[in-house]
Amino acid sequence: MTEQTTLLQDVGAAFRDHGITAAITALIGGTIALLAAVTRKAFTNDAMLARLDRELLAERDRVDRQRAEDRETEADRLERIEADIRAMRDLMFEAFQRGRTN
């Protein structure tokens, strides 16, 4: 099984084995690796947030389209109901008028 060593342990081992130059090189290399990892993570998070924003916008557009379609369908249904009510009112009015003239 391999053991994971920390950056400081690597620097200490390099200092013991090869002196101050190797220790400084290891420290600089570790710092650069750490910065690269942090930068990669930051860009990954930015990309993920951008993707989530696009997905959220697409979902909002879909919901808005669905609501508009539902409103249109409901308006058509209400228009048909009002037309039926008017037709029944006119029919009852004509029947009432005919009943009075006979």
C-alpha atoms as a PDB file:
ATOM      1  CA  MET A   1       0.000   0.000   0.000  1.00  0.00           C
ATOM      2  CA  THR A   2       1.339   3.418  -0.887  1.00  0.00           C
ATOM      3  CA  GLU A   3       1.463   6.122   1.736  1.00  0.00           C
ATOM      4  CA  GLN A   4       0.338   9.642   0.949  1.00  0.00           C
ATOM      5  CA  THR A   5       2.783  12.285   2.057  1.00  0.00           C
ATOM      6  CA  THR A   6       2.063  15.921   2.609  1.00  0.00           C
ATOM      7  CA  LEU A   7       3.766  18.793   0.883  1.00  0.00           C
ATOM      8  CA  LEU A   8       5.763  19.608   4.008  1.00  0.00           C
ATOM      9  CA  GLN A   9       6.932  15.997   4.349  1.00  0.00           C
ATOM     10  CA  ASP A  10       8.081  16.045   0.724  1.00  0.00           C
ATOM     11  CA  VAL A  11       9.926  19.321   1.284  1.00  0.00           C
ATOM     12  CA  GLY A  12      11.543  17.914   4.436  1.00  0.00           C
ATOM     13  CA  ALA A  13      12.615  14.716   2.664  1.00  0.00           C
ATOM     14  CA  ALA A  14      14.033  16.691  -0.271  1.00  0.00           C
ATOM     15  CA  PHE A  15      15.909  18.964   2.125  1.00  0.00           C
ATOM     16  CA  ARG A  16      17.433  15.959   3.948  1.00  0.00           C
ATOM     17  CA  ASP A  17      18.324  14.150   0.749  1.00  0.00           C
ATOM     18  CA  HIS A  18      19.454  16.940  -1.567  1.00  0.00           C
ATOM     19  CA  GLY A  19      19.852  20.141   0.374  1.00  0.00           C
ATOM     20  CA  ILE A  20      18.241  23.545   0.322  1.00  0.00           C
ATOM     21  CA  THR A  21      18.006  23.868  -3.486  1.00  0.00           C
ATOM     22  CA  ALA A  22      15.912  20.719  -3.816  1.00  0.00           C
ATOM     23  CA  ALA A  23      13.730  21.760  -0.872  1.00  0.00           C
ATOM     24  CA  ILE A  24      13.019  25.156  -2.442  1.00  0.00           C
ATOM     25  CA  THR A  25      12.332  23.535  -5.801  1.00  0.00           C
ATOM     26  CA  ALA A  26       9.923  21.083  -4.176  1.00  0.00           C
ATOM     27  CA  LEU A  27       8.216  23.915  -2.316  1.00  0.00           C
ATOM     28  CA  ILE A  28       7.823  25.964  -5.509  1.00  0.00           C
ATOM     29  CA  GLY A  29       6.625  22.937  -7.467  1.00  0.00           C
ATOM     30  CA  GLY A  30       4.108  22.050  -4.759  1.00  0.00           C
ATOM     31  CA  THR A  31       2.860  25.627  -4.658  1.00  0.00           C
ATOM     32  CA  ILE A  32       2.434  25.682  -8.421  1.00  0.00           C
ATOM     33  CA  ALA A  33       0.588  22.346  -8.290  1.00  0.00           C
ATOM     34  CA  LEU A  34      -1.647  23.682  -5.524  1.00  0.00           C
ATOM     35  CA  LEU A  35      -2.391  26.852  -7.509  1.00  0.00           C
ATOM     36  CA  ALA A  36      -3.153  24.775 -10.595  1.00  0.00           C
ATOM     37  CA  ALA A  37      -5.576  22.609  -8.639  1.00  0.00           C
ATOM     38  CA  VAL A  38      -7.309  25.637  -7.120  1.00  0.00           C
ATOM     39  CA  THR A  39      -7.534  27.343 -10.505  1.00  0.00           C
ATOM     40  CA  ARG A  40      -8.899  24.209 -12.155  1.00  0.00           C
ATOM     41  CA  LYS A  41     -11.473  23.848  -9.405  1.00  0.00           C
ATOM     42  CA  ALA A  42     -12.495  27.505  -9.745  1.00  0.00           C
ATOM     43  CA  PHE A  43     -12.942  27.214 -13.510  1.00  0.00           C
ATOM     44  CA  THR A  44     -14.823  23.943 -13.077  1.00  0.00           C
ATOM     45  CA  ASN A  45     -17.173  25.622 -10.604  1.00  0.00           C
ATOM     46  CA  ASP A  46     -17.650  28.584 -12.947  1.00  0.00           C
ATOM     47  CA  ALA A  47     -18.437  26.251 -15.832  1.00  0.00           C
ATOM     48  CA  MET A  48     -20.866  24.302 -13.656  1.00  0.00           C
ATOM     49  CA  LEU A  49     -22.598  27.496 -12.538  1.00  0.00           C
ATOM     50  CA  ALA A  50     -22.852  28.687 -16.127  1.00  0.00           C
ATOM     51  CA  ARG A  51     -24.366  25.347 -17.178  1.00  0.00           C
ATOM     52  CA  LEU A  52     -26.834  25.465 -14.295  1.00  0.00           C
ATOM     53  CA  ASP A  53     -27.794  29.020 -15.261  1.00  0.00           C
ATOM     54  CA  ARG A  54     -28.457  27.898 -18.843  1.00  0.00           C
ATOM     55  CA  GLU A  55     -30.518  24.938 -17.635  1.00  0.00           C
ATOM     56  CA  LEU A  56     -32.490  27.168 -15.269  1.00  0.00           C
ATOM     57  CA  LEU A  57     -33.185  29.656 -18.062  1.00  0.00           C
ATOM     58  CA  ALA A  58     -34.312  26.842 -20.368  1.00  0.00           C
ATOM     59  CA  GLU A  59     -36.601  25.458 -17.652  1.00  0.00           C
ATOM     60  CA  ARG A  60     -38.089  28.910 -16.991  1.00  0.00           C
ATOM     61  CA  ASP A  61     -38.716  29.368 -20.719  1.00  0.00           C
ATOM     62  CA  ARG A  62     -40.395  25.958 -20.890  1.00  0.00           C
ATOM     63  CA  VAL A  63     -42.614  26.767 -17.889  1.00  0.00           C
ATOM     64  CA  ASP A  64     -43.494  30.183 -19.336  1.00  0.00           C
ATOM     65  CA  ARG A  65     -44.444  28.608 -22.676  1.00  0.00           C
ATOM     66  CA  GLN A  66     -46.544  26.006 -20.877  1.00  0.00           C
ATOM     67  CA  ARG A  67     -48.312  28.700 -18.821  1.00  0.00           C
ATOM     68  CA  ALA A  68     -49.009  30.758 -21.944  1.00  0.00           C
ATOM     69  CA  GLU A  69     -50.429  27.684 -23.651  1.00  0.00           C
ATOM     70  CA  ASP A  70     -52.547  26.895 -20.580  1.00  0.00           C
ATOM     71  CA  ARG A  71     -53.844  30.476 -20.447  1.00  0.00           C
ATOM     72  CA  GLU A  72     -54.744  30.319 -24.121  1.00  0.00           C
ATOM     73  CA  THR A  73     -56.548  27.002 -23.664  1.00  0.00           C
ATOM     74  CA  GLU A  74     -58.406  28.356 -20.628  1.00  0.00           C
ATOM     75  CA  ALA A  75     -59.399  31.513 -22.519  1.00  0.00           C
ATOM     76  CA  ASP A  76     -60.767  29.405 -25.389  1.00  0.00           C
ATOM     77  CA  ARG A  77     -62.718  27.260 -22.939  1.00  0.00           C
ATOM     78  CA  LEU A  78     -64.183  30.309 -21.188  1.00  0.00           C
ATOM     79  CA  GLU A  79     -65.117  31.810 -24.541  1.00  0.00           C
ATOM     80  CA  ARG A  80     -66.996  28.629 -25.478  1.00  0.00           C
ATOM     81  CA  ILE A  81     -68.772  28.618 -22.093  1.00  0.00           C
ATOM     82  CA  GLU A  82     -69.811  32.272 -22.528  1.00  0.00           C
ATOM     83  CA  ALA A  83     -71.066  31.541 -26.058  1.00  0.00           C
ATOM     84  CA  ASP A  84     -73.120  28.617 -24.711  1.00  0.00           C
ATOM     85  CA  ILE A  85     -74.554  30.810 -21.942  1.00  0.00           C
ATOM     86  CA  ARG A  86     -75.490  33.525 -24.451  1.00  0.00           C
ATOM     87  CA  ALA A  87     -77.074  30.928 -26.743  1.00  0.00           C
ATOM     88  CA  MET A  88     -79.110  29.483 -23.846  1.00  0.00           C
ATOM     89  CA  ARG A  89     -80.156  32.985 -22.746  1.00  0.00           C
ATOM     90  CA  ASP A  90     -81.278  33.848 -26.275  1.00  0.00           C
ATOM     91  CA  LEU A  91     -83.121  30.533 -26.573  1.00  0.00           C
ATOM     92  CA  MET A  92     -84.905  31.044 -23.259  1.00  0.00           C
ATOM     93  CA  PHE A  93     -85.746  34.632 -24.184  1.00  0.00           C
ATOM     94  CA  GLU A  94     -87.264  33.517 -27.509  1.00  0.00           C
ATOM     95  CA  ALA A  95     -89.226  30.755 -25.764  1.00  0.00           C
ATOM     96  CA  PHE A  96     -90.490  33.239 -23.178  1.00  0.00           C
ATOM     97  CA  GLN A  97     -91.481  35.747 -25.920  1.00  0.00           C
ATOM     98  CA  ARG A  98     -93.334  33.052 -27.890  1.00  0.00           C
ATOM     99  CA  GLY A  99     -95.133  31.983 -24.732  1.00  0.00           C
ATOM    100  CA  ARG A 100     -96.408  35.533 -24.148  1.00  0.00           C
ATOM    101  CA  THR A 101     -97.643  36.056 -27.713  1.00  0.00           C
ATOM    102  CA  ASN A 102     -99.684  32.834 -27.864  1.00  0.00           C
END
